[in-house]
Each structure stands twice: as C-alpha cells, then as structure tokens.
Amino acid sequence: SAAVALGDALGVPPLAMAELLPVIEAVMVAKLNEQMERP
C-alpha cells in the first residue's frame, strides 16, 4: 500500500506499478536478507 502510494505520488502509471513492484520487491527482499546474514 505504501509502495503504490509512493509510486502514485511520483506519477508512476498504475499498470507499470502492477508489473514492476512484485519483481522489485522480490529482489530487494532477497538482497536485504542476504546482507543481514553476513557477519
């Protein structure tokens, strides 16, 4: 909800958000968890 609200505030078309946000989220979550696992 916050990601869509931010995209809307930045003028990102809803169709683009629907297509791109899930992919971006998956990569960012994986990278954040990977980074947290490092000593």
All heavy atoms as atom14 arrays in JSON, in Angstrom:
{
  "sequence": "SAAVALGDALGVPPLAMAELLPVIEAVMVAKLNEQMERP",
  "atom14_mask": [
    [1, 1, 1, 1, 1, 1, 0, 0, 0, 0, 0, 0, 0, 0],
    [1, 1, 1, 1, 1, 0, 0, 0, 0, 0, 0, 0, 0, 0],
    [1, 1, 1, 1, 1, 0, 0, 0, 0, 0, 0, 0, 0, 0],
    [1, 1, 1, 1, 1, 1, 1, 0, 0, 0, 0, 0, 0, 0],
    [1, 1, 1, 1, 1, 0, 0, 0, 0, 0, 0, 0, 0, 0],
    [1, 1, 1, 1, 1, 1, 1, 1, 0, 0, 0, 0, 0, 0],
    [1, 1, 1, 1, 0, 0, 0, 0, 0, 0, 0, 0, 0, 0],
    [1, 1, 1, 1, 1, 1, 1, 1, 0, 0, 0, 0, 0, 0],
    [1, 1, 1, 1, 1, 0, 0, 0, 0, 0, 0, 0, 0, 0],
    [1, 1, 1, 1, 1, 1, 1, 1, 0, 0, 0, 0, 0, 0],
    [1, 1, 1, 1, 0, 0, 0, 0, 0, 0, 0, 0, 0, 0],
    [1, 1, 1, 1, 1, 1, 1, 0, 0, 0, 0, 0, 0, 0],
    [1, 1, 1, 1, 1, 1, 1, 0, 0, 0, 0, 0, 0, 0],
    [1, 1, 1, 1, 1, 1, 1, 0, 0, 0, 0, 0, 0, 0],
    [1, 1, 1, 1, 1, 1, 1, 1, 0, 0, 0, 0, 0, 0],
    [1, 1, 1, 1, 1, 0, 0, 0, 0, 0, 0, 0, 0, 0],
    [1, 1, 1, 1, 1, 1, 1, 1, 0, 0, 0, 0, 0, 0],
    [1, 1, 1, 1, 1, 0, 0, 0, 0, 0, 0, 0, 0, 0],
    [1, 1, 1, 1, 1, 1, 1, 1, 1, 0, 0, 0, 0, 0],
    [1, 1, 1, 1, 1, 1, 1, 1, 0, 0, 0, 0, 0, 0],
    [1, 1, 1, 1, 1, 1, 1, 1, 0, 0, 0, 0, 0, 0],
    [1, 1, 1, 1, 1, 1, 1, 0, 0, 0, 0, 0, 0, 0],
    [1, 1, 1, 1, 1, 1, 1, 0, 0, 0, 0, 0, 0, 0],
    [1, 1, 1, 1, 1, 1, 1, 1, 0, 0, 0, 0, 0, 0],
    [1, 1, 1, 1, 1, 1, 1, 1, 1, 0, 0, 0, 0, 0],
    [1, 1, 1, 1, 1, 0, 0, 0, 0, 0, 0, 0, 0, 0],
    [1, 1, 1, 1, 1, 1, 1, 0, 0, 0, 0, 0, 0, 0],
    [1, 1, 1, 1, 1, 1, 1, 1, 0, 0, 0, 0, 0, 0],
    [1, 1, 1, 1, 1, 1, 1, 0, 0, 0, 0, 0, 0, 0],
    [1, 1, 1, 1, 1, 0, 0, 0, 0, 0, 0, 0, 0, 0],
    [1, 1, 1, 1, 1, 1, 1, 1, 1, 0, 0, 0, 0, 0],
    [1, 1, 1, 1, 1, 1, 1, 1, 0, 0, 0, 0, 0, 0],
    [1, 1, 1, 1, 1, 1, 1, 1, 0, 0, 0, 0, 0, 0],
    [1, 1, 1, 1, 1, 1, 1, 1, 1, 0, 0, 0, 0, 0],
    [1, 1, 1, 1, 1, 1, 1, 1, 1, 0, 0, 0, 0, 0],
    [1, 1, 1, 1, 1, 1, 1, 1, 0, 0, 0, 0, 0, 0],
    [1, 1, 1, 1, 1, 1, 1, 1, 1, 0, 0, 0, 0, 0],
    [1, 1, 1, 1, 1, 1, 1, 1, 1, 1, 1, 0, 0, 0],
    [1, 1, 1, 1, 1, 1, 1, 0, 0, 0, 0, 0, 0, 0]
  ],
  "atom14_positions": [
    [[0.84, -1.2, 0.0], [0.0, 0.0, 0.0], [0.88, 1.25, 0.0], [0.61, 2.21, -0.73], [-0.91, 0.03, 1.22], [-1.8, -1.05, 1.18], [0.0, 0.0, 0.0], [0.0, 0.0, 0.0], [0.0, 0.0, 0.0], [0.0, 0.0, 0.0], [0.0, 0.0, 0.0], [0.0, 0.0, 0.0], [0.0, 0.0, 0.0], [0.0, 0.0, 0.0]],
    [[1.91, 1.23, 0.81], [2.83, 2.37, 0.86], [3.61, 2.49, -0.44], [3.82, 3.61, -0.94], [3.79, 2.2, 2.03], [0.0, 0.0, 0.0], [0.0, 0.0, 0.0], [0.0, 0.0, 0.0], [0.0, 0.0, 0.0], [0.0, 0.0, 0.0], [0.0, 0.0, 0.0], [0.0, 0.0, 0.0], [0.0, 0.0, 0.0], [0.0, 0.0, 0.0]],
    [[4.03, 1.37, -1.02], [4.78, 1.41, -2.28], [3.92, 1.96, -3.42], [4.39, 2.78, -4.22], [5.29, 0.01, -2.64], [0.0, 0.0, 0.0], [0.0, 0.0, 0.0], [0.0, 0.0, 0.0], [0.0, 0.0, 0.0], [0.0, 0.0, 0.0], [0.0, 0.0, 0.0], [0.0, 0.0, 0.0], [0.0, 0.0, 0.0], [0.0, 0.0, 0.0]],
    [[2.66, 1.56, -3.47], [1.75, 2.06, -4.5], [1.47, 3.55, -4.28], [1.44, 4.34, -5.23], [0.45, 1.24, -4.55], [-0.6, 1.91, -5.42], [0.73, -0.18, -5.03], [0.0, 0.0, 0.0], [0.0, 0.0, 0.0], [0.0, 0.0, 0.0], [0.0, 0.0, 0.0], [0.0, 0.0, 0.0], [0.0, 0.0, 0.0], [0.0, 0.0, 0.0]],
    [[1.29, 3.96, -3.02], [1.06, 5.37, -2.73], [2.27, 6.21, -3.13], [2.12, 7.31, -3.69], [0.76, 5.55, -1.24], [0.0, 0.0, 0.0], [0.0, 0.0, 0.0], [0.0, 0.0, 0.0], [0.0, 0.0, 0.0], [0.0, 0.0, 0.0], [0.0, 0.0, 0.0], [0.0, 0.0, 0.0], [0.0, 0.0, 0.0], [0.0, 0.0, 0.0]],
    [[3.46, 5.71, -2.88], [4.67, 6.42, -3.28], [4.76, 6.51, -4.8], [5.06, 7.58, -5.35], [5.9, 5.73, -2.72], [7.26, 6.33, -3.07], [7.36, 7.76, -2.57], [8.37, 5.48, -2.5], [0.0, 0.0, 0.0], [0.0, 0.0, 0.0], [0.0, 0.0, 0.0], [0.0, 0.0, 0.0], [0.0, 0.0, 0.0], [0.0, 0.0, 0.0]],
    [[4.5, 5.4, -5.48], [4.52, 5.42, -6.94], [3.5, 6.39, -7.51], [3.79, 7.12, -8.46], [0.0, 0.0, 0.0], [0.0, 0.0, 0.0], [0.0, 0.0, 0.0], [0.0, 0.0, 0.0], [0.0, 0.0, 0.0], [0.0, 0.0, 0.0], [0.0, 0.0, 0.0], [0.0, 0.0, 0.0], [0.0, 0.0, 0.0], [0.0, 0.0, 0.0]],
    [[2.32, 6.4, -6.91], [1.27, 7.33, -7.35], [1.72, 8.78, -7.16], [1.55, 9.61, -8.04], [-0.02, 7.05, -6.58], [-1.19, 7.83, -7.11], [-1.38, 7.87, -8.33], [-1.93, 8.39, -6.27], [0.0, 0.0, 0.0], [0.0, 0.0, 0.0], [0.0, 0.0, 0.0], [0.0, 0.0, 0.0], [0.0, 0.0, 0.0], [0.0, 0.0, 0.0]],
    [[2.32, 9.06, -6.01], [2.81, 10.42, -5.74], [3.91, 10.83, -6.71], [4.04, 12.01, -7.03], [3.32, 10.51, -4.3], [0.0, 0.0, 0.0], [0.0, 0.0, 0.0], [0.0, 0.0, 0.0], [0.0, 0.0, 0.0], [0.0, 0.0, 0.0], [0.0, 0.0, 0.0], [0.0, 0.0, 0.0], [0.0, 0.0, 0.0], [0.0, 0.0, 0.0]],
    [[4.67, 9.86, -7.17], [5.75, 10.15, -8.13], [5.26, 10.15, -9.58], [6.05, 10.39, -10.5], [6.87, 9.13, -7.96], [7.65, 9.22, -6.64], [8.58, 8.03, -6.49], [8.41, 10.53, -6.58], [0.0, 0.0, 0.0], [0.0, 0.0, 0.0], [0.0, 0.0, 0.0], [0.0, 0.0, 0.0], [0.0, 0.0, 0.0], [0.0, 0.0, 0.0]],
    [[3.99, 9.84, -9.78], [3.43, 9.85, -11.13], [3.66, 8.59, -11.93], [3.55, 8.59, -13.15], [0.0, 0.0, 0.0], [0.0, 0.0, 0.0], [0.0, 0.0, 0.0], [0.0, 0.0, 0.0], [0.0, 0.0, 0.0], [0.0, 0.0, 0.0], [0.0, 0.0, 0.0], [0.0, 0.0, 0.0], [0.0, 0.0, 0.0], [0.0, 0.0, 0.0]],
    [[3.96, 7.48, -11.26], [4.17, 6.2, -11.96], [2.81, 5.64, -12.35], [1.9, 5.56, -11.51], [4.93, 5.2, -11.05], [5.11, 3.87, -11.75], [6.27, 5.77, -10.62], [0.0, 0.0, 0.0], [0.0, 0.0, 0.0], [0.0, 0.0, 0.0], [0.0, 0.0, 0.0], [0.0, 0.0, 0.0], [0.0, 0.0, 0.0], [0.0, 0.0, 0.0]],
    [[2.62, 5.26, -13.61], [1.34, 4.71, -14.04], [1.0, 3.42, -13.27], [1.88, 2.59, -13.0], [1.55, 4.4, -15.53], [2.71, 5.25, -15.94], [3.57, 5.38, -14.72], [0.0, 0.0, 0.0], [0.0, 0.0, 0.0], [0.0, 0.0, 0.0], [0.0, 0.0, 0.0], [0.0, 0.0, 0.0], [0.0, 0.0, 0.0], [0.0, 0.0, 0.0]],
    [[-0.28, 3.24, -12.91], [-0.69, 2.06, -12.14], [-0.31, 0.73, -12.81], [0.08, -0.22, -12.13], [-2.21, 2.19, -12.05], [-2.46, 3.66, -12.19], [-1.38, 4.17, -13.11], [0.0, 0.0, 0.0], [0.0, 0.0, 0.0], [0.0, 0.0, 0.0], [0.0, 0.0, 0.0], [0.0, 0.0, 0.0], [0.0, 0.0, 0.0], [0.0, 0.0, 0.0]],
    [[-0.42, 0.65, -14.13], [-0.07, -0.6, -14.82], [1.42, -0.91, -14.65], [1.79, -2.07, -14.44], [-0.43, -0.5, -16.31], [-0.23, -1.78, -17.12], [-1.04, -2.93, -16.55], [-0.61, -1.54, -18.58], [0.0, 0.0, 0.0], [0.0, 0.0, 0.0], [0.0, 0.0, 0.0], [0.0, 0.0, 0.0], [0.0, 0.0, 0.0], [0.0, 0.0, 0.0]],
    [[2.25, 0.11, -14.71], [3.69, -0.09, -14.51], [3.96, -0.58, -13.09], [4.78, -1.48, -12.88], [4.45, 1.2, -14.78], [0.0, 0.0, 0.0], [0.0, 0.0, 0.0], [0.0, 0.0, 0.0], [0.0, 0.0, 0.0], [0.0, 0.0, 0.0], [0.0, 0.0, 0.0], [0.0, 0.0, 0.0], [0.0, 0.0, 0.0], [0.0, 0.0, 0.0]],
    [[3.29, 0.0, -12.11], [3.47, -0.44, -10.72], [3.05, -1.9, -10.55], [3.73, -2.68, -9.89], [2.69, 0.46, -9.76], [3.31, 1.81, -9.57], [2.54, 2.75, -8.25], [1.07, 3.36, -9.06], [0.0, 0.0, 0.0], [0.0, 0.0, 0.0], [0.0, 0.0, 0.0], [0.0, 0.0, 0.0], [0.0, 0.0, 0.0], [0.0, 0.0, 0.0]],
    [[1.92, -2.25, -11.16], [1.42, -3.62, -11.04], [2.4, -4.62, -11.64], [2.54, -5.74, -11.13], [0.06, -3.73, -11.72], [0.0, 0.0, 0.0], [0.0, 0.0, 0.0], [0.0, 0.0, 0.0], [0.0, 0.0, 0.0], [0.0, 0.0, 0.0], [0.0, 0.0, 0.0], [0.0, 0.0, 0.0], [0.0, 0.0, 0.0], [0.0, 0.0, 0.0]],
    [[3.05, -4.23, -12.71], [4.02, -5.13, -13.36], [5.36, -5.17, -12.64], [5.98, -6.22, -12.52], [4.24, -4.68, -14.81], [3.08, -4.94, -15.73], [2.89, -6.42, -16.03], [3.89, -7.14, -16.15], [1.73, -6.83, -16.15], [0.0, 0.0, 0.0], [0.0, 0.0, 0.0], [0.0, 0.0, 0.0], [0.0, 0.0, 0.0], [0.0, 0.0, 0.0]],
    [[5.83, -4.02, -12.18], [7.21, -3.92, -11.69], [7.38, -4.12, -10.19], [8.4, -4.67, -9.75], [7.8, -2.57, -12.09], [7.89, -2.33, -13.6], [8.35, -0.91, -13.88], [8.82, -3.34, -14.24], [0.0, 0.0, 0.0], [0.0, 0.0, 0.0], [0.0, 0.0, 0.0], [0.0, 0.0, 0.0], [0.0, 0.0, 0.0], [0.0, 0.0, 0.0]],
    [[6.42, -3.66, -9.38], [6.62, -3.73, -7.93], [6.85, -5.15, -7.39], [7.74, -5.35, -6.57], [5.46, -3.06, -7.19], [5.55, -1.54, -7.08], [4.3, -0.98, -6.41], [6.79, -1.11, -6.33], [0.0, 0.0, 0.0], [0.0, 0.0, 0.0], [0.0, 0.0, 0.0], [0.0, 0.0, 0.0], [0.0, 0.0, 0.0], [0.0, 0.0, 0.0]],
    [[6.09, -6.16, -7.83], [6.36, -7.5, -7.3], [7.77, -8.01, -7.61], [8.41, -8.66, -6.77], [5.3, -8.38, -7.97], [4.2, -7.44, -8.3], [4.88, -6.15, -8.66], [0.0, 0.0, 0.0], [0.0, 0.0, 0.0], [0.0, 0.0, 0.0], [0.0, 0.0, 0.0], [0.0, 0.0, 0.0], [0.0, 0.0, 0.0], [0.0, 0.0, 0.0]],
    [[8.26, -7.7, -8.79], [9.6, -8.14, -9.19], [10.66, -7.4, -8.36], [11.6, -8.02, -7.84], [9.83, -7.9, -10.7], [11.24, -8.26, -11.1], [8.81, -8.67, -11.52], [0.0, 0.0, 0.0], [0.0, 0.0, 0.0], [0.0, 0.0, 0.0], [0.0, 0.0, 0.0], [0.0, 0.0, 0.0], [0.0, 0.0, 0.0], [0.0, 0.0, 0.0]],
    [[10.49, -6.1, -8.23], [11.44, -5.3, -7.45], [11.41, -5.74, -5.99], [12.47, -5.87, -5.35], [11.11, -3.8, -7.58], [11.32, -3.33, -9.02], [11.93, -2.96, -6.62], [10.75, -1.95, -9.32], [0.0, 0.0, 0.0], [0.0, 0.0, 0.0], [0.0, 0.0, 0.0], [0.0, 0.0, 0.0], [0.0, 0.0, 0.0], [0.0, 0.0, 0.0]],
    [[10.22, -5.98, -5.45], [10.1, -6.42, -4.05], [10.86, -7.72, -3.83], [11.6, -7.86, -2.85], [8.63, -6.61, -3.68], [8.47, -7.15, -2.26], [7.08, -7.68, -1.96], [6.41, -8.18, -2.89], [6.69, -7.62, -0.79], [0.0, 0.0, 0.0], [0.0, 0.0, 0.0], [0.0, 0.0, 0.0], [0.0, 0.0, 0.0], [0.0, 0.0, 0.0]],
    [[10.69, -8.69, -4.71], [11.35, -9.99, -4.55], [12.86, -9.86, -4.52], [13.54, -10.45, -3.66], [10.92, -10.94, -5.66], [0.0, 0.0, 0.0], [0.0, 0.0, 0.0], [0.0, 0.0, 0.0], [0.0, 0.0, 0.0], [0.0, 0.0, 0.0], [0.0, 0.0, 0.0], [0.0, 0.0, 0.0], [0.0, 0.0, 0.0], [0.0, 0.0, 0.0]],
    [[13.41, -9.04, -5.41], [14.86, -8.86, -5.45], [15.35, -8.13, -4.21], [16.34, -8.53, -3.58], [15.28, -8.11, -6.74], [16.75, -7.74, -6.69], [14.98, -8.96, -7.96], [0.0, 0.0, 0.0], [0.0, 0.0, 0.0], [0.0, 0.0, 0.0], [0.0, 0.0, 0.0], [0.0, 0.0, 0.0], [0.0, 0.0, 0.0], [0.0, 0.0, 0.0]],
    [[14.66, -7.07, -3.83], [15.08, -6.29, -2.65], [15.0, -7.11, -1.37], [15.9, -7.05, -0.53], [14.23, -5.03, -2.52], [14.5, -4.01, -3.6], [16.21, -3.41, -3.61], [16.31, -2.63, -2.04], [0.0, 0.0, 0.0], [0.0, 0.0, 0.0], [0.0, 0.0, 0.0], [0.0, 0.0, 0.0], [0.0, 0.0, 0.0], [0.0, 0.0, 0.0]],
    [[13.95, -7.9, -1.2], [13.82, -8.74, -0.01], [14.96, -9.76, 0.04], [15.59, -9.96, 1.08], [12.44, -9.43, 0.04], [12.4, -10.55, 1.05], [11.36, -8.41, 0.35], [0.0, 0.0, 0.0], [0.0, 0.0, 0.0], [0.0, 0.0, 0.0], [0.0, 0.0, 0.0], [0.0, 0.0, 0.0], [0.0, 0.0, 0.0], [0.0, 0.0, 0.0]],
    [[15.23, -10.39, -1.09], [16.32, -11.38, -1.14], [17.66, -10.74, -0.8], [18.44, -11.28, -0.01], [16.38, -12.03, -2.52], [0.0, 0.0, 0.0], [0.0, 0.0, 0.0], [0.0, 0.0, 0.0], [0.0, 0.0, 0.0], [0.0, 0.0, 0.0], [0.0, 0.0, 0.0], [0.0, 0.0, 0.0], [0.0, 0.0, 0.0], [0.0, 0.0, 0.0]],
    [[17.93, -9.56, -1.36], [19.2, -8.88, -1.11], [19.32, -8.4, 0.33], [20.4, -8.49, 0.94], [19.4, -7.72, -2.08], [19.59, -8.17, -3.51], [20.87, -8.99, -3.63], [21.12, -9.44, -5.03], [22.34, -10.22, -5.17], [0.0, 0.0, 0.0], [0.0, 0.0, 0.0], [0.0, 0.0, 0.0], [0.0, 0.0, 0.0], [0.0, 0.0, 0.0]],
    [[18.24, -7.88, 0.9], [18.28, -7.44, 2.3], [18.54, -8.61, 3.23], [19.35, -8.52, 4.16], [16.97, -6.75, 2.67], [16.78, -5.34, 2.16], [15.34, -4.88, 2.37], [17.74, -4.38, 2.86], [0.0, 0.0, 0.0], [0.0, 0.0, 0.0], [0.0, 0.0, 0.0], [0.0, 0.0, 0.0], [0.0, 0.0, 0.0], [0.0, 0.0, 0.0]],
    [[17.86, -9.73, 2.99], [18.08, -10.91, 3.84], [19.49, -11.47, 3.66], [20.12, -11.89, 4.63], [17.03, -11.98, 3.55], [15.69, -11.61, 4.13], [15.6, -11.01, 5.2], [14.63, -11.93, 3.43], [0.0, 0.0, 0.0], [0.0, 0.0, 0.0], [0.0, 0.0, 0.0], [0.0, 0.0, 0.0], [0.0, 0.0, 0.0], [0.0, 0.0, 0.0]],
    [[19.98, -11.44, 2.45], [21.35, -11.88, 2.17], [22.35, -11.01, 2.94], [23.29, -11.52, 3.55], [21.58, -11.73, 0.67], [22.68, -12.54, 0.06], [22.68, -12.31, -1.45], [21.87, -12.95, -2.14], [23.49, -11.49, -1.91], [0.0, 0.0, 0.0], [0.0, 0.0, 0.0], [0.0, 0.0, 0.0], [0.0, 0.0, 0.0], [0.0, 0.0, 0.0]],
    [[22.11, -9.72, 2.92], [23.0, -8.79, 3.6], [22.94, -8.98, 5.12], [23.97, -8.89, 5.79], [22.62, -7.37, 3.23], [23.62, -6.32, 3.63], [23.24, -4.96, 3.09], [22.06, -4.6, 3.04], [24.24, -4.21, 2.67], [0.0, 0.0, 0.0], [0.0, 0.0, 0.0], [0.0, 0.0, 0.0], [0.0, 0.0, 0.0], [0.0, 0.0, 0.0]],
    [[21.77, -9.25, 5.66], [21.63, -9.45, 7.1], [22.31, -10.73, 7.57], [22.7, -10.83, 8.74], [20.16, -9.44, 7.51], [19.56, -8.07, 7.43], [17.92, -7.87, 8.17], [17.03, -9.29, 7.66], [0.0, 0.0, 0.0], [0.0, 0.0, 0.0], [0.0, 0.0, 0.0], [0.0, 0.0, 0.0], [0.0, 0.0, 0.0], [0.0, 0.0, 0.0]],
    [[22.44, -11.71, 6.7], [23.07, -12.98, 7.06], [24.59, -12.87, 7.14], [25.24, -13.7, 7.78], [22.69, -14.06, 6.06], [21.24, -14.49, 6.17], [20.84, -15.47, 5.09], [21.68, -15.83, 4.23], [19.66, -15.87, 5.09], [0.0, 0.0, 0.0], [0.0, 0.0, 0.0], [0.0, 0.0, 0.0], [0.0, 0.0, 0.0], [0.0, 0.0, 0.0]],
    [[25.16, -11.87, 6.49], [26.6, -11.72, 6.5], [27.07, -11.29, 7.89], [26.39, -10.54, 8.58], [27.04, -10.66, 5.48], [26.82, -11.1, 4.06], [27.49, -10.2, 3.05], [27.78, -8.86, 3.49], [27.66, -7.78, 2.74], [27.25, -7.9, 1.5], [27.97, -6.59, 3.2], [0.0, 0.0, 0.0], [0.0, 0.0, 0.0], [0.0, 0.0, 0.0]],
    [[28.24, -11.77, 8.31], [28.73, -11.42, 9.64], [28.96, -9.92, 9.83], [28.83, -9.4, 10.92], [30.05, -12.17, 9.79], [30.28, -12.87, 8.5], [29.11, -12.65, 7.6], [0.0, 0.0, 0.0], [0.0, 0.0, 0.0], [0.0, 0.0, 0.0], [0.0, 0.0, 0.0], [0.0, 0.0, 0.0], [0.0, 0.0, 0.0], [0.0, 0.0, 0.0]]
  ]
}
